[in-house]
Amino acid sequence: MDAASPLEAFATELVLQFRETHATATKVEPVPRAYKSPALSSTHIRFGGTAAARIVTITDHPYIVRDFTIGQGEPIIRGTGIRVRILVEYWRLDIPPQELLQYFPHLTSAQVLDALSYYEDHQEEINALINLNRPDNTSAQPSL
């Protein structure tokens, strides 16, 4: 038995308690290896400071999640930092989904199609994010 086992058991217990008391639509994903403490070989959770574990909200689409450490909870493709709104903006420029795979070779066609499907189901939200992130957005600037 290695020294990390009691810590891993404690972290797992905390995650289970969190799941019981909070929304059921959250999932704790392991921290990428580059961010792990050498003492742990699994998920690392720290309360009262910067959380090393990522809380990911699962959506109604299998490849789309909300990770609040990436884009302030903006819908992204699971396992990547690619925001749904980015793919939608390319698609609005009449770039077909198969061509998007050339621009984003690390994505699968299922991921791209699911992102576009998410847009079809949540157009108002994604359109608001697109407008908010425009470089010429004057609504984000305070009026004088």
N, C-alpha and C. Protein backbone atom coordinates (compact mmCIF):
# COMPACT_ATOMS: atom_id res chain seq x y z
N MET A 1 0.85 -1.17 0.00
CA MET A 1 0.00 0.00 0.00
C MET A 1 0.90 1.24 0.00
N ASP A 2 0.70 2.15 -0.96
CA ASP A 2 1.54 3.34 -1.03
C ASP A 2 0.98 4.46 -0.16
N ALA A 3 1.78 5.53 0.05
CA ALA A 3 1.40 6.62 0.95
C ALA A 3 0.25 7.45 0.39
N ALA A 4 0.00 7.40 -0.90
CA ALA A 4 -1.05 8.23 -1.49
C ALA A 4 -2.44 7.64 -1.27
N SER A 5 -2.54 6.38 -0.94
CA SER A 5 -3.84 5.73 -0.81
C SER A 5 -4.77 6.37 0.21
N PRO A 6 -4.32 6.71 1.44
CA PRO A 6 -5.25 7.37 2.37
C PRO A 6 -5.71 8.73 1.85
N LEU A 7 -4.83 9.46 1.18
CA LEU A 7 -5.22 10.75 0.63
C LEU A 7 -6.25 10.58 -0.48
N GLU A 8 -6.04 9.58 -1.32
CA GLU A 8 -6.99 9.32 -2.40
C GLU A 8 -8.34 8.92 -1.83
N ALA A 9 -8.34 8.11 -0.78
CA ALA A 9 -9.60 7.69 -0.16
C ALA A 9 -10.31 8.90 0.43
N PHE A 10 -9.57 9.78 1.08
CA PHE A 10 -10.15 10.99 1.66
C PHE A 10 -10.74 11.88 0.57
N ALA A 11 -10.00 12.05 -0.54
CA ALA A 11 -10.49 12.88 -1.65
C ALA A 11 -11.75 12.28 -2.25
N THR A 12 -11.77 10.97 -2.42
CA THR A 12 -12.95 10.30 -2.96
C THR A 12 -14.15 10.49 -2.04
N GLU A 13 -13.92 10.38 -0.73
CA GLU A 13 -15.00 10.59 0.24
C GLU A 13 -15.56 12.00 0.14
N LEU A 14 -14.68 13.00 0.01
CA LEU A 14 -15.13 14.38 -0.11
C LEU A 14 -15.94 14.60 -1.38
N VAL A 15 -15.50 14.00 -2.48
CA VAL A 15 -16.23 14.12 -3.74
C VAL A 15 -17.61 13.51 -3.61
N LEU A 16 -17.71 12.34 -2.99
CA LEU A 16 -19.01 11.69 -2.82
C LEU A 16 -19.94 12.53 -1.94
N GLN A 17 -19.39 13.11 -0.88
CA GLN A 17 -20.20 13.98 -0.02
C GLN A 17 -20.67 15.21 -0.80
N PHE A 18 -19.78 15.77 -1.62
CA PHE A 18 -20.13 16.94 -2.42
C PHE A 18 -21.25 16.59 -3.39
N ARG A 19 -21.15 15.45 -4.04
CA ARG A 19 -22.18 15.04 -4.99
C ARG A 19 -23.53 14.86 -4.32
N GLU A 20 -23.54 14.34 -3.09
CA GLU A 20 -24.80 14.11 -2.39
C GLU A 20 -25.46 15.43 -1.99
N THR A 21 -24.66 16.46 -1.70
CA THR A 21 -25.24 17.71 -1.21
C THR A 21 -25.42 18.76 -2.29
N HIS A 22 -24.87 18.56 -3.46
CA HIS A 22 -24.97 19.55 -4.54
C HIS A 22 -25.68 18.94 -5.74
N ALA A 23 -25.75 19.73 -6.81
CA ALA A 23 -26.45 19.30 -8.03
C ALA A 23 -25.90 17.97 -8.53
N THR A 24 -26.77 17.13 -9.02
CA THR A 24 -26.36 15.82 -9.50
C THR A 24 -25.76 15.88 -10.89
N ALA A 25 -25.82 17.05 -11.55
CA ALA A 25 -25.31 17.17 -12.91
C ALA A 25 -23.85 17.60 -12.94
N THR A 26 -23.11 17.30 -11.89
CA THR A 26 -21.69 17.64 -11.89
C THR A 26 -20.86 16.37 -11.84
N LYS A 27 -19.71 16.47 -12.39
CA LYS A 27 -18.79 15.34 -12.44
C LYS A 27 -17.40 15.85 -12.15
N VAL A 28 -16.67 15.19 -11.29
CA VAL A 28 -15.31 15.59 -11.00
C VAL A 28 -14.39 14.81 -11.92
N GLU A 29 -13.59 15.53 -12.69
CA GLU A 29 -12.64 14.90 -13.58
C GLU A 29 -11.25 14.99 -12.98
N PRO A 30 -10.40 14.02 -13.24
CA PRO A 30 -9.04 14.08 -12.71
C PRO A 30 -8.30 15.29 -13.28
N VAL A 31 -7.39 15.80 -12.50
CA VAL A 31 -6.57 16.92 -12.91
C VAL A 31 -5.53 16.42 -13.91
N PRO A 32 -5.22 17.20 -14.96
CA PRO A 32 -4.18 16.76 -15.88
C PRO A 32 -2.87 16.49 -15.15
N ARG A 33 -2.11 15.53 -15.62
CA ARG A 33 -0.90 15.08 -14.94
C ARG A 33 0.06 16.23 -14.62
N ALA A 34 0.14 17.22 -15.48
CA ALA A 34 1.07 18.32 -15.26
C ALA A 34 0.71 19.14 -14.03
N TYR A 35 -0.54 19.08 -13.60
CA TYR A 35 -0.98 19.87 -12.47
C TYR A 35 -1.11 19.06 -11.19
N LYS A 36 -0.81 17.77 -11.24
CA LYS A 36 -0.97 16.93 -10.06
C LYS A 36 0.17 17.12 -9.08
N SER A 37 -0.17 16.95 -7.85
CA SER A 37 0.85 16.92 -6.82
C SER A 37 1.60 15.60 -6.95
N PRO A 38 2.92 15.58 -6.77
CA PRO A 38 3.64 14.31 -6.88
C PRO A 38 3.21 13.30 -5.84
N ALA A 39 2.60 13.77 -4.74
CA ALA A 39 2.18 12.85 -3.69
C ALA A 39 0.92 12.08 -4.07
N LEU A 40 0.17 12.56 -5.06
CA LEU A 40 -1.08 11.92 -5.43
C LEU A 40 -0.98 11.33 -6.83
N SER A 41 -1.64 10.22 -7.02
CA SER A 41 -1.68 9.63 -8.35
C SER A 41 -3.07 9.73 -8.94
N SER A 42 -3.96 10.43 -8.26
CA SER A 42 -5.34 10.54 -8.71
C SER A 42 -5.81 11.98 -8.53
N THR A 43 -7.11 12.17 -8.39
CA THR A 43 -7.69 13.49 -8.24
C THR A 43 -7.16 14.18 -6.99
N HIS A 44 -6.81 15.44 -7.11
CA HIS A 44 -6.31 16.22 -5.98
C HIS A 44 -7.32 17.32 -5.68
N ILE A 45 -7.82 17.37 -4.46
CA ILE A 45 -8.80 18.37 -4.06
C ILE A 45 -8.24 19.15 -2.89
N ARG A 46 -8.36 20.46 -2.97
CA ARG A 46 -7.91 21.31 -1.89
C ARG A 46 -9.01 22.32 -1.60
N PHE A 47 -9.48 22.41 -0.37
CA PHE A 47 -10.49 23.38 0.01
C PHE A 47 -9.80 24.52 0.73
N GLY A 48 -10.36 25.73 0.62
CA GLY A 48 -9.79 26.88 1.28
C GLY A 48 -8.67 27.50 0.48
N GLY A 49 -8.52 27.14 -0.73
CA GLY A 49 -7.49 27.66 -1.61
C GLY A 49 -7.89 27.41 -3.04
N THR A 50 -6.95 27.38 -3.90
CA THR A 50 -7.23 27.09 -5.30
C THR A 50 -7.55 25.61 -5.43
N ALA A 51 -8.70 25.31 -5.99
CA ALA A 51 -9.08 23.91 -6.18
C ALA A 51 -8.32 23.33 -7.34
N ALA A 52 -7.70 22.21 -7.12
CA ALA A 52 -6.95 21.56 -8.18
C ALA A 52 -7.83 20.62 -8.99
N ALA A 53 -8.95 20.19 -8.41
CA ALA A 53 -9.88 19.34 -9.14
C ALA A 53 -10.79 20.23 -9.97
N ARG A 54 -11.17 19.73 -11.12
CA ARG A 54 -12.03 20.50 -12.00
C ARG A 54 -13.45 20.00 -11.85
N ILE A 55 -14.36 20.92 -11.56
CA ILE A 55 -15.78 20.58 -11.50
C ILE A 55 -16.35 20.87 -12.88
N VAL A 56 -16.88 19.85 -13.50
CA VAL A 56 -17.39 19.94 -14.86
C VAL A 56 -18.89 19.67 -14.83
N THR A 57 -19.66 20.57 -15.42
CA THR A 57 -21.10 20.38 -15.52
C THR A 57 -21.42 19.70 -16.84
N ILE A 58 -22.11 18.61 -16.74
CA ILE A 58 -22.49 17.83 -17.92
C ILE A 58 -23.75 18.45 -18.52
N THR A 59 -23.79 18.53 -19.84
CA THR A 59 -24.97 19.07 -20.53
C THR A 59 -25.80 17.92 -21.09
N ASP A 60 -26.84 18.27 -21.82
CA ASP A 60 -27.68 17.25 -22.44
C ASP A 60 -27.08 16.71 -23.74
N HIS A 61 -25.89 17.16 -24.08
CA HIS A 61 -25.18 16.67 -25.27
C HIS A 61 -23.93 15.94 -24.81
N PRO A 62 -23.66 14.75 -25.35
CA PRO A 62 -22.57 13.92 -24.81
C PRO A 62 -21.17 14.52 -24.92
N TYR A 63 -20.90 15.35 -25.90
CA TYR A 63 -19.55 15.89 -26.07
C TYR A 63 -19.41 17.32 -25.54
N ILE A 64 -20.47 17.90 -25.03
CA ILE A 64 -20.44 19.30 -24.60
C ILE A 64 -20.55 19.36 -23.07
N VAL A 65 -19.62 20.11 -22.46
CA VAL A 65 -19.62 20.30 -21.01
C VAL A 65 -19.37 21.77 -20.70
N ARG A 66 -19.53 22.11 -19.44
CA ARG A 66 -19.18 23.44 -18.94
C ARG A 66 -18.11 23.24 -17.88
N ASP A 67 -16.93 23.76 -18.12
CA ASP A 67 -15.83 23.68 -17.18
C ASP A 67 -15.53 25.11 -16.75
N PHE A 68 -15.73 25.41 -15.48
CA PHE A 68 -15.61 26.78 -15.01
C PHE A 68 -14.16 27.24 -14.90
N THR A 69 -13.20 26.34 -15.14
CA THR A 69 -11.81 26.78 -15.23
C THR A 69 -11.44 27.15 -16.65
N ILE A 70 -12.34 26.89 -17.59
CA ILE A 70 -12.11 27.23 -19.00
C ILE A 70 -13.26 28.10 -19.47
N GLY A 71 -12.97 29.32 -19.83
CA GLY A 71 -13.99 30.20 -20.41
C GLY A 71 -15.13 30.55 -19.48
N GLN A 72 -14.91 30.53 -18.20
CA GLN A 72 -15.92 30.92 -17.21
C GLN A 72 -17.22 30.14 -17.36
N GLY A 73 -17.11 28.88 -17.67
CA GLY A 73 -18.29 28.03 -17.76
C GLY A 73 -18.98 28.03 -19.11
N GLU A 74 -18.34 28.62 -20.08
CA GLU A 74 -18.89 28.64 -21.44
C GLU A 74 -18.88 27.20 -21.98
N PRO A 75 -19.90 26.80 -22.75
CA PRO A 75 -19.93 25.43 -23.29
C PRO A 75 -18.71 25.14 -24.16
N ILE A 76 -18.05 24.03 -23.85
CA ILE A 76 -16.87 23.61 -24.60
C ILE A 76 -17.02 22.15 -25.00
N ILE A 77 -16.16 21.71 -25.90
CA ILE A 77 -16.13 20.30 -26.27
C ILE A 77 -15.32 19.57 -25.21
N ARG A 78 -15.89 18.52 -24.67
CA ARG A 78 -15.27 17.75 -23.59
C ARG A 78 -13.85 17.33 -23.96
N GLY A 79 -12.94 17.55 -23.03
CA GLY A 79 -11.56 17.14 -23.22
C GLY A 79 -10.73 18.11 -24.02
N THR A 80 -11.31 19.21 -24.44
CA THR A 80 -10.58 20.23 -25.20
C THR A 80 -10.93 21.59 -24.61
N GLY A 81 -10.29 22.61 -25.09
CA GLY A 81 -10.66 23.96 -24.70
C GLY A 81 -11.45 24.66 -25.78
N ILE A 82 -11.90 23.92 -26.77
CA ILE A 82 -12.61 24.51 -27.92
C ILE A 82 -14.03 24.87 -27.50
N ARG A 83 -14.33 26.14 -27.61
CA ARG A 83 -15.66 26.62 -27.26
C ARG A 83 -16.64 26.37 -28.41
N VAL A 84 -17.88 26.07 -28.05
CA VAL A 84 -18.91 25.81 -29.05
C VAL A 84 -19.08 27.03 -29.94
N ARG A 85 -19.03 28.22 -29.37
CA ARG A 85 -19.26 29.45 -30.15
C ARG A 85 -18.22 29.62 -31.26
N ILE A 86 -16.99 29.14 -31.05
CA ILE A 86 -15.95 29.25 -32.08
C ILE A 86 -16.35 28.43 -33.31
N LEU A 87 -16.77 27.18 -33.09
CA LEU A 87 -17.19 26.34 -34.21
C LEU A 87 -18.42 26.93 -34.90
N VAL A 88 -19.32 27.49 -34.12
CA VAL A 88 -20.53 28.09 -34.70
C VAL A 88 -20.17 29.28 -35.57
N GLU A 89 -19.21 30.09 -35.13
CA GLU A 89 -18.81 31.25 -35.93
C GLU A 89 -18.20 30.81 -37.27
N TYR A 90 -17.39 29.76 -37.27
CA TYR A 90 -16.87 29.23 -38.54
C TYR A 90 -18.02 28.71 -39.40
N TRP A 91 -18.94 27.99 -38.77
CA TRP A 91 -20.06 27.40 -39.50
C TRP A 91 -20.93 28.49 -40.12
N ARG A 92 -21.10 29.61 -39.42
CA ARG A 92 -21.87 30.74 -39.96
C ARG A 92 -21.18 31.37 -41.17
N LEU A 93 -19.88 31.17 -41.30
CA LEU A 93 -19.15 31.67 -42.47
C LEU A 93 -19.22 30.67 -43.62
N ASP A 94 -20.18 29.75 -43.55
CA ASP A 94 -20.43 28.74 -44.59
C ASP A 94 -19.29 27.73 -44.72
N ILE A 95 -18.60 27.46 -43.64
CA ILE A 95 -17.60 26.39 -43.64
C ILE A 95 -18.30 25.12 -43.17
N PRO A 96 -18.36 24.11 -44.02
CA PRO A 96 -19.09 22.89 -43.65
C PRO A 96 -18.38 22.12 -42.52
N PRO A 97 -19.13 21.30 -41.80
CA PRO A 97 -18.54 20.56 -40.68
C PRO A 97 -17.33 19.71 -41.07
N GLN A 98 -17.35 19.11 -42.25
CA GLN A 98 -16.21 18.28 -42.65
C GLN A 98 -14.95 19.13 -42.86
N GLU A 99 -15.12 20.36 -43.29
CA GLU A 99 -13.97 21.24 -43.45
C GLU A 99 -13.47 21.75 -42.10
N LEU A 100 -14.37 21.87 -41.14
CA LEU A 100 -13.97 22.27 -39.78
C LEU A 100 -12.98 21.27 -39.20
N LEU A 101 -13.12 20.01 -39.60
CA LEU A 101 -12.19 18.98 -39.13
C LEU A 101 -10.75 19.24 -39.61
N GLN A 102 -10.61 19.93 -40.73
CA GLN A 102 -9.28 20.30 -41.22
C GLN A 102 -8.69 21.42 -40.38
N TYR A 103 -9.54 22.34 -39.91
CA TYR A 103 -9.08 23.44 -39.06
C TYR A 103 -8.79 22.97 -37.64
N PHE A 104 -9.54 21.96 -37.20
CA PHE A 104 -9.39 21.41 -35.85
C PHE A 104 -9.16 19.90 -35.97
N PRO A 105 -7.96 19.48 -36.37
CA PRO A 105 -7.72 18.06 -36.63
C PRO A 105 -7.81 17.16 -35.40
N HIS A 106 -7.74 17.73 -34.22
CA HIS A 106 -7.83 16.91 -33.01
C HIS A 106 -9.28 16.60 -32.62
N LEU A 107 -10.24 17.18 -33.33
CA LEU A 107 -11.65 16.90 -33.07
C LEU A 107 -12.15 15.79 -33.98
N THR A 108 -13.17 15.10 -33.52
CA THR A 108 -13.82 14.08 -34.35
C THR A 108 -15.06 14.70 -34.99
N SER A 109 -15.58 14.04 -36.01
CA SER A 109 -16.79 14.57 -36.64
C SER A 109 -17.96 14.53 -35.66
N ALA A 110 -18.00 13.55 -34.78
CA ALA A 110 -19.07 13.49 -33.78
C ALA A 110 -19.02 14.70 -32.85
N GLN A 111 -17.83 15.12 -32.46
CA GLN A 111 -17.69 16.28 -31.58
C GLN A 111 -18.16 17.56 -32.29
N VAL A 112 -17.76 17.73 -33.54
CA VAL A 112 -18.16 18.92 -34.30
C VAL A 112 -19.67 18.94 -34.50
N LEU A 113 -20.24 17.83 -34.89
CA LEU A 113 -21.68 17.76 -35.12
C LEU A 113 -22.47 17.96 -33.83
N ASP A 114 -21.93 17.45 -32.71
CA ASP A 114 -22.60 17.64 -31.44
C ASP A 114 -22.55 19.11 -31.01
N ALA A 115 -21.44 19.79 -31.30
CA ALA A 115 -21.34 21.22 -30.99
C ALA A 115 -22.37 22.01 -31.79
N LEU A 116 -22.52 21.68 -33.06
CA LEU A 116 -23.52 22.37 -33.89
C LEU A 116 -24.94 22.02 -33.45
N SER A 117 -25.13 20.79 -33.01
CA SER A 117 -26.43 20.38 -32.49
C SER A 117 -26.74 21.12 -31.19
N TYR A 118 -25.72 21.30 -30.35
CA TYR A 118 -25.90 22.07 -29.11
C TYR A 118 -26.33 23.49 -29.46
N TYR A 119 -25.71 24.06 -30.49
CA TYR A 119 -26.09 25.40 -30.92
C TYR A 119 -27.55 25.45 -31.35
N GLU A 120 -27.99 24.45 -32.09
CA GLU A 120 -29.38 24.42 -32.54
C GLU A 120 -30.35 24.38 -31.36
N ASP A 121 -29.95 23.71 -30.28
CA ASP A 121 -30.81 23.62 -29.09
C ASP A 121 -30.69 24.82 -28.17
N HIS A 122 -29.58 25.57 -28.26
CA HIS A 122 -29.31 26.69 -27.34
C HIS A 122 -28.87 27.93 -28.11
N GLN A 123 -29.59 28.26 -29.16
CA GLN A 123 -29.19 29.37 -30.03
C GLN A 123 -29.11 30.70 -29.29
N GLU A 124 -30.05 30.98 -28.44
CA GLU A 124 -30.07 32.27 -27.74
C GLU A 124 -28.82 32.44 -26.88
N GLU A 125 -28.44 31.40 -26.16
CA GLU A 125 -27.26 31.46 -25.30
C GLU A 125 -25.98 31.64 -26.11
N ILE A 126 -25.81 30.86 -27.17
CA ILE A 126 -24.58 30.92 -27.96
C ILE A 126 -24.52 32.25 -28.72
N ASN A 127 -25.64 32.72 -29.24
CA ASN A 127 -25.64 34.02 -29.93
C ASN A 127 -25.25 35.14 -28.97
N ALA A 128 -25.70 35.06 -27.72
CA ALA A 128 -25.32 36.07 -26.73
C ALA A 128 -23.82 36.01 -26.45
N LEU A 129 -23.26 34.80 -26.37
CA LEU A 129 -21.81 34.66 -26.15
C LEU A 129 -21.02 35.19 -27.34
N ILE A 130 -21.51 34.95 -28.53
CA ILE A 130 -20.83 35.45 -29.73
C ILE A 130 -20.83 36.98 -29.72
N ASN A 131 -21.99 37.57 -29.43
CA ASN A 131 -22.07 39.04 -29.39
C ASN A 131 -21.21 39.63 -28.29
N LEU A 132 -21.16 38.96 -27.16
CA LEU A 132 -20.36 39.44 -26.03
C LEU A 132 -18.87 39.41 -26.33
N ASN A 133 -18.44 38.47 -27.16
CA ASN A 133 -17.01 38.30 -27.45
C ASN A 133 -16.56 38.95 -28.75
N ARG A 134 -17.39 39.77 -29.35
CA ARG A 134 -16.99 40.49 -30.56
C ARG A 134 -16.00 41.58 -30.19
N PRO A 135 -14.99 41.81 -31.01
CA PRO A 135 -14.02 42.86 -30.71
C PRO A 135 -14.62 44.26 -30.74
N ASP A 136 -15.68 44.45 -31.51
CA ASP A 136 -16.31 45.76 -31.60
C ASP A 136 -17.51 45.89 -30.65
N ASN A 137 -17.56 45.06 -29.63
CA ASN A 137 -18.68 45.05 -28.69
C ASN A 137 -18.64 46.30 -27.83
N THR A 138 -19.59 47.20 -28.04
CA THR A 138 -19.64 48.42 -27.25
C THR A 138 -20.51 48.26 -26.02
N SER A 139 -21.29 47.17 -25.94
CA SER A 139 -22.14 46.98 -24.78
C SER A 139 -21.33 46.64 -23.53
N ALA A 140 -20.11 46.10 -23.70
CA ALA A 140 -19.28 45.74 -22.56
C ALA A 140 -18.53 46.94 -22.01
N GLN A 141 -18.48 48.04 -22.78
CA GLN A 141 -17.76 49.25 -22.34
C GLN A 141 -18.71 50.15 -21.59
N PRO A 142 -18.26 50.73 -20.47
CA PRO A 142 -19.14 51.65 -19.74
C PRO A 142 -19.34 52.94 -20.50
N SER A 143 -20.54 53.48 -20.41
CA SER A 143 -20.81 54.75 -21.09
C SER A 143 -20.30 55.90 -20.24
N LEU A 144 -19.81 56.93 -20.90
CA LEU A 144 -19.26 58.09 -20.20
C LEU A 144 -20.27 59.20 -20.12
